[in-house]
Amino acid sequence: MGTIPPPNTGDLQVSVEDLDAAAAYVDRLKQYIDDTISYEMERVKERMKGDSNNAQTVPNGTPFGAYEDARMQWQALTKSTANMEMHLKTLSQKLASLKQGTEDIAKAFRDAEARNGANGKEIERLLESAAPPPAAGGAPTYPYTA
């Protein structure tokens, strides 16, 4: 199977606040999934117990068949839960890395701005301390032979 190329984001700009909001959303999504999975697993457990009054919990099925069906559902749910948790964890890590990278870029930009400001002040100081230019009609400051 081929690899999927990364999306073309063009001139997309993402702020640290956007990344925080995305990370919070992923955390809420993870909590929702955990709650839903817990509910579904409880349903499967109840189904595995069966009904003492009516052993046939699946239409036209035997109690053993119902148990096997519920057990297979449990295994599938457990596997899909593990896969989903792995993907959400990876997504959370990528968002955290993006946030850190964005903060690092912002810090580097602020540092460069500060250096540029200091260099500008140094240039201004040097220009102010330099000798003034010669008067317009005065003698040249270099030997001129024509």
N, C-alpha and C. Protein backbone atom coordinates (compact mmCIF):
# COMPACT_ATOMS: atom_id res chain seq x y z
N MET A 1 0.84 -1.16 0.00
CA MET A 1 0.00 0.00 0.00
C MET A 1 0.89 1.23 0.00
N GLY A 2 0.58 2.24 -0.80
CA GLY A 2 1.40 3.44 -0.91
C GLY A 2 1.22 4.34 0.30
N THR A 3 2.15 5.25 0.43
CA THR A 3 2.06 6.19 1.54
C THR A 3 1.19 7.37 1.14
N ILE A 4 0.58 7.96 2.11
CA ILE A 4 -0.28 9.11 1.87
C ILE A 4 0.59 10.36 2.00
N PRO A 5 0.62 11.22 0.98
CA PRO A 5 1.45 12.43 1.08
C PRO A 5 0.84 13.40 2.10
N PRO A 6 1.68 14.24 2.72
CA PRO A 6 1.14 15.20 3.67
C PRO A 6 0.25 16.21 2.96
N PRO A 7 -0.72 16.77 3.65
CA PRO A 7 -1.62 17.72 2.99
C PRO A 7 -0.89 19.01 2.63
N ASN A 8 -1.34 19.64 1.57
CA ASN A 8 -0.78 20.93 1.17
C ASN A 8 -1.45 21.99 2.02
N THR A 9 -0.70 22.58 2.94
CA THR A 9 -1.29 23.54 3.87
C THR A 9 -1.19 24.97 3.36
N GLY A 10 -0.43 25.20 2.30
CA GLY A 10 -0.33 26.54 1.75
C GLY A 10 0.26 27.49 2.77
N ASP A 11 -0.43 28.61 2.99
CA ASP A 11 0.06 29.60 3.95
C ASP A 11 -0.67 29.50 5.29
N LEU A 12 -0.99 28.29 5.69
CA LEU A 12 -1.69 28.05 6.96
C LEU A 12 -0.86 28.57 8.12
N GLN A 13 -1.51 29.29 9.01
CA GLN A 13 -0.83 29.79 10.20
C GLN A 13 -1.55 29.22 11.42
N VAL A 14 -0.78 28.69 12.36
CA VAL A 14 -1.34 28.08 13.56
C VAL A 14 -0.70 28.74 14.77
N SER A 15 -1.53 29.17 15.70
CA SER A 15 -1.00 29.78 16.92
C SER A 15 -0.92 28.74 18.03
N VAL A 16 -0.20 29.09 19.08
CA VAL A 16 -0.09 28.20 20.23
C VAL A 16 -1.47 27.97 20.84
N GLU A 17 -2.31 28.99 20.83
CA GLU A 17 -3.67 28.85 21.37
C GLU A 17 -4.48 27.83 20.57
N ASP A 18 -4.29 27.84 19.23
CA ASP A 18 -4.98 26.85 18.39
C ASP A 18 -4.54 25.44 18.75
N LEU A 19 -3.23 25.28 18.98
CA LEU A 19 -2.71 23.96 19.33
C LEU A 19 -3.20 23.54 20.71
N ASP A 20 -3.29 24.48 21.65
CA ASP A 20 -3.84 24.16 22.97
C ASP A 20 -5.29 23.71 22.85
N ALA A 21 -6.05 24.43 22.02
CA ALA A 21 -7.45 24.08 21.84
C ALA A 21 -7.58 22.69 21.19
N ALA A 22 -6.73 22.40 20.22
CA ALA A 22 -6.77 21.08 19.58
C ALA A 22 -6.40 19.98 20.57
N ALA A 23 -5.40 20.24 21.41
CA ALA A 23 -5.01 19.25 22.41
C ALA A 23 -6.14 19.03 23.42
N ALA A 24 -6.80 20.11 23.82
CA ALA A 24 -7.93 19.98 24.75
C ALA A 24 -9.06 19.19 24.09
N TYR A 25 -9.30 19.42 22.81
CA TYR A 25 -10.35 18.68 22.09
C TYR A 25 -10.01 17.19 22.04
N VAL A 26 -8.73 16.87 21.77
CA VAL A 26 -8.32 15.47 21.72
C VAL A 26 -8.50 14.83 23.09
N ASP A 27 -8.18 15.56 24.15
CA ASP A 27 -8.38 15.02 25.50
C ASP A 27 -9.86 14.76 25.78
N ARG A 28 -10.73 15.71 25.37
CA ARG A 28 -12.17 15.49 25.55
C ARG A 28 -12.66 14.31 24.72
N LEU A 29 -12.13 14.20 23.50
CA LEU A 29 -12.50 13.07 22.64
C LEU A 29 -12.06 11.76 23.27
N LYS A 30 -10.86 11.74 23.84
CA LYS A 30 -10.35 10.54 24.49
C LYS A 30 -11.27 10.16 25.66
N GLN A 31 -11.70 11.16 26.45
CA GLN A 31 -12.59 10.89 27.58
C GLN A 31 -13.94 10.36 27.09
N TYR A 32 -14.47 10.95 26.03
CA TYR A 32 -15.74 10.49 25.47
C TYR A 32 -15.62 9.04 25.00
N ILE A 33 -14.50 8.74 24.32
CA ILE A 33 -14.30 7.37 23.83
C ILE A 33 -14.18 6.41 25.00
N ASP A 34 -13.42 6.80 26.03
CA ASP A 34 -13.29 5.94 27.21
C ASP A 34 -14.66 5.66 27.83
N ASP A 35 -15.48 6.71 27.97
CA ASP A 35 -16.82 6.54 28.56
C ASP A 35 -17.68 5.63 27.69
N THR A 36 -17.65 5.85 26.38
CA THR A 36 -18.46 5.04 25.47
C THR A 36 -18.01 3.59 25.49
N ILE A 37 -16.70 3.38 25.49
CA ILE A 37 -16.18 2.01 25.50
C ILE A 37 -16.54 1.31 26.81
N SER A 38 -16.43 2.03 27.92
CA SER A 38 -16.81 1.44 29.21
C SER A 38 -18.27 1.00 29.18
N TYR A 39 -19.12 1.86 28.64
CA TYR A 39 -20.55 1.53 28.55
C TYR A 39 -20.75 0.29 27.67
N GLU A 40 -20.09 0.27 26.51
CA GLU A 40 -20.25 -0.87 25.60
C GLU A 40 -19.71 -2.15 26.23
N MET A 41 -18.60 -2.06 26.94
CA MET A 41 -18.04 -3.25 27.57
C MET A 41 -18.97 -3.78 28.66
N GLU A 42 -19.61 -2.90 29.39
CA GLU A 42 -20.59 -3.33 30.38
C GLU A 42 -21.76 -4.04 29.71
N ARG A 43 -22.20 -3.49 28.56
CA ARG A 43 -23.29 -4.14 27.82
C ARG A 43 -22.89 -5.54 27.40
N VAL A 44 -21.66 -5.68 26.90
CA VAL A 44 -21.18 -7.00 26.45
C VAL A 44 -21.09 -7.95 27.64
N LYS A 45 -20.61 -7.45 28.78
CA LYS A 45 -20.52 -8.29 29.98
C LYS A 45 -21.90 -8.80 30.38
N GLU A 46 -22.88 -7.90 30.37
CA GLU A 46 -24.25 -8.31 30.72
C GLU A 46 -24.76 -9.35 29.74
N ARG A 47 -24.43 -9.14 28.48
CA ARG A 47 -24.89 -10.08 27.46
C ARG A 47 -24.22 -11.44 27.64
N MET A 48 -22.96 -11.43 28.10
CA MET A 48 -22.24 -12.68 28.33
C MET A 48 -22.87 -13.46 29.49
N LYS A 49 -23.41 -12.74 30.47
CA LYS A 49 -24.04 -13.41 31.61
C LYS A 49 -25.28 -14.18 31.16
N GLY A 50 -25.98 -13.58 30.21
CA GLY A 50 -27.19 -14.24 29.74
C GLY A 50 -28.37 -13.96 30.65
N ASP A 51 -29.46 -14.53 30.32
CA ASP A 51 -30.70 -14.35 31.08
C ASP A 51 -31.04 -15.69 31.72
N SER A 52 -31.09 -15.70 33.04
CA SER A 52 -31.36 -16.97 33.72
C SER A 52 -32.75 -17.49 33.40
N ASN A 53 -33.69 -16.63 33.10
CA ASN A 53 -35.04 -17.06 32.75
C ASN A 53 -35.12 -17.55 31.31
N ASN A 54 -34.38 -16.93 30.46
CA ASN A 54 -34.40 -17.30 29.06
C ASN A 54 -32.95 -17.40 28.59
N ALA A 55 -32.46 -18.61 28.48
CA ALA A 55 -31.06 -18.82 28.15
C ALA A 55 -30.73 -18.42 26.72
N GLN A 56 -31.74 -18.30 25.89
CA GLN A 56 -31.51 -17.98 24.48
C GLN A 56 -31.45 -16.46 24.32
N THR A 57 -30.24 -15.89 24.45
CA THR A 57 -30.11 -14.43 24.41
C THR A 57 -29.99 -13.89 22.99
N VAL A 58 -29.62 -14.74 22.04
CA VAL A 58 -29.55 -14.33 20.66
C VAL A 58 -30.66 -15.09 19.93
N PRO A 59 -31.46 -14.41 19.11
CA PRO A 59 -32.52 -15.12 18.42
C PRO A 59 -31.97 -16.33 17.66
N ASN A 60 -32.64 -17.45 17.84
CA ASN A 60 -32.28 -18.72 17.21
C ASN A 60 -30.86 -19.15 17.56
N GLY A 61 -30.36 -18.74 18.70
CA GLY A 61 -29.02 -19.11 19.10
C GLY A 61 -29.06 -19.91 20.39
N THR A 62 -27.98 -20.54 20.70
CA THR A 62 -27.88 -21.29 21.95
C THR A 62 -27.18 -20.42 22.97
N PRO A 63 -27.28 -20.75 24.24
CA PRO A 63 -26.56 -19.97 25.24
C PRO A 63 -25.05 -19.93 24.94
N PHE A 64 -24.51 -21.07 24.47
CA PHE A 64 -23.08 -21.11 24.15
C PHE A 64 -22.78 -20.19 22.97
N GLY A 65 -23.67 -20.21 21.99
CA GLY A 65 -23.49 -19.33 20.83
C GLY A 65 -23.55 -17.87 21.23
N ALA A 66 -24.46 -17.53 22.13
CA ALA A 66 -24.57 -16.15 22.60
C ALA A 66 -23.31 -15.76 23.36
N TYR A 67 -22.81 -16.69 24.15
CA TYR A 67 -21.59 -16.40 24.91
C TYR A 67 -20.41 -16.18 23.96
N GLU A 68 -20.29 -17.06 22.96
CA GLU A 68 -19.19 -16.92 22.00
C GLU A 68 -19.32 -15.62 21.22
N ASP A 69 -20.55 -15.28 20.85
CA ASP A 69 -20.79 -14.03 20.13
C ASP A 69 -20.36 -12.84 20.98
N ALA A 70 -20.76 -12.85 22.24
CA ALA A 70 -20.40 -11.76 23.14
C ALA A 70 -18.89 -11.73 23.37
N ARG A 71 -18.27 -12.90 23.48
CA ARG A 71 -16.83 -12.97 23.70
C ARG A 71 -16.08 -12.40 22.49
N MET A 72 -16.54 -12.72 21.30
CA MET A 72 -15.91 -12.19 20.09
C MET A 72 -16.10 -10.68 20.01
N GLN A 73 -17.30 -10.21 20.39
CA GLN A 73 -17.53 -8.76 20.42
C GLN A 73 -16.59 -8.09 21.41
N TRP A 74 -16.41 -8.74 22.56
CA TRP A 74 -15.52 -8.20 23.58
C TRP A 74 -14.09 -8.08 23.04
N GLN A 75 -13.61 -9.14 22.37
CA GLN A 75 -12.26 -9.11 21.80
C GLN A 75 -12.13 -8.02 20.75
N ALA A 76 -13.12 -7.91 19.89
CA ALA A 76 -13.07 -6.88 18.84
C ALA A 76 -13.08 -5.49 19.46
N LEU A 77 -13.92 -5.29 20.48
CA LEU A 77 -14.00 -4.00 21.15
C LEU A 77 -12.69 -3.68 21.85
N THR A 78 -12.09 -4.65 22.49
CA THR A 78 -10.81 -4.45 23.17
C THR A 78 -9.72 -4.07 22.17
N LYS A 79 -9.68 -4.76 21.03
CA LYS A 79 -8.66 -4.48 20.02
C LYS A 79 -8.86 -3.09 19.41
N SER A 80 -10.11 -2.77 19.06
CA SER A 80 -10.36 -1.46 18.47
C SER A 80 -10.10 -0.34 19.48
N THR A 81 -10.38 -0.60 20.75
CA THR A 81 -10.10 0.38 21.80
C THR A 81 -8.60 0.65 21.89
N ALA A 82 -7.82 -0.41 21.87
CA ALA A 82 -6.36 -0.26 21.95
C ALA A 82 -5.84 0.52 20.74
N ASN A 83 -6.36 0.21 19.56
CA ASN A 83 -5.94 0.93 18.35
C ASN A 83 -6.31 2.41 18.44
N MET A 84 -7.53 2.68 18.88
CA MET A 84 -7.98 4.07 18.98
C MET A 84 -7.16 4.83 20.01
N GLU A 85 -6.89 4.20 21.15
CA GLU A 85 -6.08 4.87 22.18
C GLU A 85 -4.68 5.15 21.66
N MET A 86 -4.12 4.22 20.89
CA MET A 86 -2.79 4.43 20.32
C MET A 86 -2.80 5.63 19.37
N HIS A 87 -3.82 5.71 18.52
CA HIS A 87 -3.91 6.82 17.57
C HIS A 87 -4.11 8.15 18.30
N LEU A 88 -4.95 8.16 19.32
CA LEU A 88 -5.17 9.39 20.07
C LEU A 88 -3.91 9.82 20.81
N LYS A 89 -3.18 8.85 21.34
CA LYS A 89 -1.93 9.17 22.03
C LYS A 89 -0.93 9.76 21.05
N THR A 90 -0.83 9.17 19.86
CA THR A 90 0.07 9.69 18.83
C THR A 90 -0.34 11.10 18.44
N LEU A 91 -1.64 11.32 18.27
CA LEU A 91 -2.14 12.65 17.92
C LEU A 91 -1.81 13.66 19.01
N SER A 92 -1.98 13.28 20.26
CA SER A 92 -1.66 14.17 21.38
C SER A 92 -0.17 14.51 21.38
N GLN A 93 0.68 13.51 21.12
CA GLN A 93 2.12 13.75 21.09
C GLN A 93 2.49 14.70 19.94
N LYS A 94 1.86 14.52 18.79
CA LYS A 94 2.16 15.39 17.66
C LYS A 94 1.71 16.81 17.94
N LEU A 95 0.54 16.97 18.57
CA LEU A 95 0.08 18.31 18.92
C LEU A 95 1.02 18.97 19.94
N ALA A 96 1.49 18.19 20.90
CA ALA A 96 2.43 18.73 21.88
C ALA A 96 3.73 19.15 21.19
N SER A 97 4.20 18.34 20.24
CA SER A 97 5.41 18.69 19.50
C SER A 97 5.20 19.95 18.66
N LEU A 98 4.04 20.04 18.03
CA LEU A 98 3.73 21.25 17.25
C LEU A 98 3.70 22.48 18.14
N LYS A 99 3.10 22.34 19.30
CA LYS A 99 3.03 23.46 20.23
C LYS A 99 4.43 23.88 20.65
N GLN A 100 5.27 22.90 21.00
CA GLN A 100 6.65 23.20 21.41
C GLN A 100 7.41 23.86 20.28
N GLY A 101 7.26 23.34 19.07
CA GLY A 101 7.93 23.93 17.91
C GLY A 101 7.48 25.35 17.66
N THR A 102 6.18 25.59 17.79
CA THR A 102 5.65 26.95 17.59
C THR A 102 6.21 27.89 18.64
N GLU A 103 6.28 27.42 19.89
CA GLU A 103 6.85 28.27 20.95
C GLU A 103 8.33 28.53 20.70
N ASP A 104 9.06 27.52 20.23
CA ASP A 104 10.48 27.71 19.92
C ASP A 104 10.68 28.72 18.80
N ILE A 105 9.85 28.63 17.78
CA ILE A 105 9.94 29.57 16.66
C ILE A 105 9.63 30.99 17.14
N ALA A 106 8.60 31.13 17.97
CA ALA A 106 8.25 32.45 18.49
C ALA A 106 9.39 33.02 19.33
N LYS A 107 10.02 32.18 20.15
CA LYS A 107 11.15 32.63 20.98
C LYS A 107 12.31 33.05 20.09
N ALA A 108 12.63 32.26 19.07
CA ALA A 108 13.71 32.61 18.15
C ALA A 108 13.41 33.92 17.45
N PHE A 109 12.16 34.14 17.07
CA PHE A 109 11.77 35.38 16.41
C PHE A 109 11.95 36.56 17.36
N ARG A 110 11.52 36.41 18.62
CA ARG A 110 11.67 37.50 19.60
C ARG A 110 13.16 37.78 19.85
N ASP A 111 13.97 36.71 19.94
CA ASP A 111 15.41 36.90 20.14
C ASP A 111 16.03 37.64 18.96
N ALA A 112 15.64 37.27 17.74
CA ALA A 112 16.17 37.94 16.54
C ALA A 112 15.74 39.41 16.52
N GLU A 113 14.51 39.68 16.91
CA GLU A 113 14.03 41.07 16.97
C GLU A 113 14.84 41.86 17.98
N ALA A 114 15.13 41.26 19.14
CA ALA A 114 15.92 41.94 20.16
C ALA A 114 17.34 42.21 19.65
N ARG A 115 17.95 41.22 18.99
CA ARG A 115 19.29 41.42 18.42
C ARG A 115 19.28 42.51 17.36
N ASN A 116 18.27 42.50 16.50
CA ASN A 116 18.17 43.52 15.46
C ASN A 116 18.02 44.91 16.08
N GLY A 117 17.23 45.00 17.13
CA GLY A 117 17.06 46.28 17.82
C GLY A 117 18.37 46.76 18.42
N ALA A 118 19.10 45.85 19.06
CA ALA A 118 20.39 46.22 19.66
C ALA A 118 21.38 46.63 18.57
N ASN A 119 21.41 45.89 17.46
CA ASN A 119 22.30 46.24 16.35
C ASN A 119 21.94 47.61 15.77
N GLY A 120 20.66 47.89 15.66
CA GLY A 120 20.22 49.19 15.15
C GLY A 120 20.67 50.32 16.05
N LYS A 121 20.56 50.13 17.37
CA LYS A 121 21.01 51.16 18.32
C LYS A 121 22.51 51.34 18.23
N GLU A 122 23.26 50.25 18.05
CA GLU A 122 24.71 50.33 17.91
C GLU A 122 25.07 51.11 16.64
N ILE A 123 24.38 50.86 15.56
CA ILE A 123 24.62 51.58 14.30
C ILE A 123 24.32 53.06 14.48
N GLU A 124 23.20 53.38 15.13
CA GLU A 124 22.86 54.79 15.39
C GLU A 124 23.95 55.45 16.23
N ARG A 125 24.45 54.76 17.25
CA ARG A 125 25.49 55.32 18.12
C ARG A 125 26.76 55.58 17.32
N LEU A 126 27.13 54.65 16.45
CA LEU A 126 28.33 54.83 15.62
C LEU A 126 28.16 56.00 14.65
N LEU A 127 26.98 56.11 14.07
CA LEU A 127 26.74 57.22 13.14
C LEU A 127 26.80 58.56 13.85
N GLU A 128 26.26 58.60 15.07
CA GLU A 128 26.27 59.85 15.82
C GLU A 128 27.68 60.25 16.23
N SER A 129 28.54 59.28 16.52
CA SER A 129 29.90 59.58 16.96
C SER A 129 30.86 59.79 15.79
N ALA A 130 30.44 59.52 14.59
CA ALA A 130 31.31 59.69 13.42
C ALA A 130 31.48 61.18 13.11
N ALA A 131 32.57 61.50 12.42
CA ALA A 131 32.82 62.89 12.03
C ALA A 131 31.73 63.33 11.06
N PRO A 132 31.31 64.57 11.17
CA PRO A 132 30.27 65.05 10.24
C PRO A 132 30.82 65.12 8.82
N PRO A 133 29.97 65.03 7.84
CA PRO A 133 30.44 65.10 6.46
C PRO A 133 31.03 66.49 6.16
N PRO A 134 31.96 66.59 5.19
CA PRO A 134 32.55 67.89 4.87
C PRO A 134 31.52 68.83 4.26
N ALA A 135 31.77 70.08 4.36
CA ALA A 135 30.85 71.09 3.80
C ALA A 135 30.81 70.95 2.28
N ALA A 136 29.78 71.46 1.70
CA ALA A 136 29.56 71.27 0.27
C ALA A 136 30.65 71.92 -0.58
N GLY A 137 31.15 73.04 -0.23
CA GLY A 137 32.14 73.70 -1.09
C GLY A 137 33.55 73.58 -0.54
N GLY A 138 33.77 72.78 0.46
CA GLY A 138 35.07 72.69 1.12
C GLY A 138 36.07 71.87 0.34
N ALA A 139 37.26 71.79 0.91
CA ALA A 139 38.32 71.03 0.26
C ALA A 139 38.02 69.55 0.34
N PRO A 140 38.39 68.81 -0.71
CA PRO A 140 38.12 67.36 -0.69
C PRO A 140 38.97 66.67 0.37
N THR A 141 38.45 65.56 0.88
CA THR A 141 39.16 64.81 1.92
C THR A 141 40.08 63.77 1.35
N TYR A 142 40.21 63.71 0.05
CA TYR A 142 41.09 62.75 -0.61
C TYR A 142 41.90 63.51 -1.66
N PRO A 143 43.06 63.02 -1.98
CA PRO A 143 43.85 63.73 -3.01
C PRO A 143 43.15 63.64 -4.36
N TYR A 144 42.92 64.77 -4.97
CA TYR A 144 42.21 64.79 -6.23
C TYR A 144 43.12 65.40 -7.27
N THR A 145 43.46 64.62 -8.27
CA THR A 145 44.27 65.14 -9.37
C THR A 145 43.55 64.88 -10.65
N ALA A 146 43.19 65.95 -11.31
CA ALA A 146 42.50 65.77 -12.56
C ALA A 146 43.14 66.59 -13.64
